[in-house]
Amino acid sequence: MQLGRGAKMRTMAFTVQDLKELLELLEQHPEWKSVLRASLLGE
């Protein structure tokens, strides 16, 4: 990822536990999968 001059990239930790919780939420709300997929991969 390239950022313009003076742009700062902020980081946020995403833990294994966060992933497990996300997967559990997606099991509970399967309609969220398409929204997440589009956000990650583009439409």
N, C-alpha and C. Protein backbone atom coordinates (compact mmCIF):
# COMPACT_ATOMS: atom_id res chain seq x y z
N MET A 1 0.85 -1.18 0.00
CA MET A 1 0.00 0.00 0.00
C MET A 1 0.88 1.23 0.00
N GLN A 2 0.63 2.14 -0.90
CA GLN A 2 1.39 3.38 -0.94
C GLN A 2 0.54 4.50 -0.38
N LEU A 3 1.18 5.34 0.41
CA LEU A 3 0.50 6.49 0.99
C LEU A 3 1.13 7.76 0.44
N GLY A 4 0.32 8.79 0.33
CA GLY A 4 0.83 10.06 -0.16
C GLY A 4 1.80 10.68 0.82
N ARG A 5 2.47 11.71 0.39
CA ARG A 5 3.42 12.39 1.26
C ARG A 5 2.73 12.90 2.51
N GLY A 6 3.38 12.68 3.62
CA GLY A 6 2.86 13.17 4.89
C GLY A 6 1.76 12.31 5.49
N ALA A 7 1.32 11.30 4.75
CA ALA A 7 0.27 10.44 5.27
C ALA A 7 0.87 9.47 6.28
N LYS A 8 0.11 9.21 7.31
CA LYS A 8 0.55 8.28 8.34
C LYS A 8 -0.35 7.06 8.31
N MET A 9 0.26 5.90 8.45
CA MET A 9 -0.50 4.66 8.47
C MET A 9 -0.67 4.25 9.92
N ARG A 10 -1.92 4.06 10.32
CA ARG A 10 -2.18 3.60 11.67
C ARG A 10 -2.33 2.09 11.66
N THR A 11 -1.83 1.44 12.68
CA THR A 11 -1.95 0.01 12.76
C THR A 11 -2.85 -0.37 13.93
N MET A 12 -3.45 -1.53 13.80
CA MET A 12 -4.31 -2.05 14.85
C MET A 12 -4.07 -3.55 14.91
N ALA A 13 -3.84 -4.05 16.10
CA ALA A 13 -3.61 -5.49 16.25
C ALA A 13 -4.91 -6.25 16.03
N PHE A 14 -4.82 -7.35 15.32
CA PHE A 14 -5.95 -8.24 15.08
C PHE A 14 -5.49 -9.60 15.55
N THR A 15 -6.02 -10.03 16.68
CA THR A 15 -5.54 -11.25 17.32
C THR A 15 -6.26 -12.49 16.79
N VAL A 16 -5.72 -13.64 17.15
CA VAL A 16 -6.36 -14.91 16.80
C VAL A 16 -7.74 -14.97 17.46
N GLN A 17 -7.83 -14.48 18.67
CA GLN A 17 -9.12 -14.46 19.36
C GLN A 17 -10.13 -13.58 18.62
N ASP A 18 -9.67 -12.46 18.09
CA ASP A 18 -10.54 -11.59 17.29
C ASP A 18 -11.08 -12.35 16.08
N LEU A 19 -10.22 -13.12 15.44
CA LEU A 19 -10.63 -13.89 14.27
C LEU A 19 -11.67 -14.94 14.66
N LYS A 20 -11.43 -15.63 15.77
CA LYS A 20 -12.39 -16.63 16.24
C LYS A 20 -13.75 -15.99 16.51
N GLU A 21 -13.73 -14.83 17.15
CA GLU A 21 -14.99 -14.13 17.45
C GLU A 21 -15.69 -13.69 16.17
N LEU A 22 -14.93 -13.22 15.20
CA LEU A 22 -15.51 -12.83 13.92
C LEU A 22 -16.16 -14.02 13.23
N LEU A 23 -15.48 -15.16 13.24
CA LEU A 23 -16.04 -16.36 12.62
C LEU A 23 -17.32 -16.81 13.32
N GLU A 24 -17.34 -16.70 14.64
CA GLU A 24 -18.56 -17.03 15.38
C GLU A 24 -19.70 -16.09 15.01
N LEU A 25 -19.40 -14.81 14.90
CA LEU A 25 -20.42 -13.84 14.51
C LEU A 25 -20.95 -14.12 13.11
N LEU A 26 -20.06 -14.50 12.20
CA LEU A 26 -20.49 -14.81 10.84
C LEU A 26 -21.37 -16.05 10.79
N GLU A 27 -21.12 -16.99 11.70
CA GLU A 27 -22.00 -18.16 11.79
C GLU A 27 -23.38 -17.75 12.28
N GLN A 28 -23.43 -16.80 13.20
CA GLN A 28 -24.70 -16.34 13.75
C GLN A 28 -25.44 -15.42 12.78
N HIS A 29 -24.69 -14.72 11.93
CA HIS A 29 -25.27 -13.74 11.00
C HIS A 29 -24.71 -13.99 9.59
N PRO A 30 -25.16 -15.05 8.94
CA PRO A 30 -24.59 -15.37 7.61
C PRO A 30 -24.80 -14.26 6.57
N GLU A 31 -25.80 -13.42 6.79
CA GLU A 31 -26.02 -12.32 5.84
C GLU A 31 -24.88 -11.31 5.86
N TRP A 32 -24.06 -11.31 6.89
CA TRP A 32 -22.92 -10.40 6.97
C TRP A 32 -21.77 -10.84 6.08
N LYS A 33 -21.76 -12.10 5.68
CA LYS A 33 -20.64 -12.63 4.90
C LYS A 33 -20.45 -11.88 3.59
N SER A 34 -21.54 -11.60 2.90
CA SER A 34 -21.40 -10.93 1.60
C SER A 34 -20.89 -9.50 1.77
N VAL A 35 -21.29 -8.85 2.84
CA VAL A 35 -20.82 -7.48 3.10
C VAL A 35 -19.32 -7.50 3.41
N LEU A 36 -18.91 -8.43 4.24
CA LEU A 36 -17.49 -8.55 4.58
C LEU A 36 -16.66 -8.91 3.35
N ARG A 37 -17.16 -9.85 2.57
CA ARG A 37 -16.45 -10.26 1.35
C ARG A 37 -16.26 -9.08 0.40
N ALA A 38 -17.32 -8.30 0.20
CA ALA A 38 -17.23 -7.15 -0.69
C ALA A 38 -16.26 -6.10 -0.15
N SER A 39 -16.24 -5.93 1.17
CA SER A 39 -15.33 -4.95 1.76
C SER A 39 -13.87 -5.37 1.62
N LEU A 40 -13.61 -6.65 1.77
CA LEU A 40 -12.23 -7.14 1.70
C LEU A 40 -11.73 -7.30 0.28
N LEU A 41 -12.59 -7.76 -0.62
CA LEU A 41 -12.15 -8.09 -1.98
C LEU A 41 -12.57 -7.07 -3.03
N GLY A 42 -13.40 -6.14 -2.65
CA GLY A 42 -13.93 -5.20 -3.62
C GLY A 42 -15.16 -5.80 -4.28
N GLU A 43 -15.97 -4.95 -4.82
CA GLU A 43 -17.25 -5.45 -5.39
C GLU A 43 -17.13 -5.79 -6.84
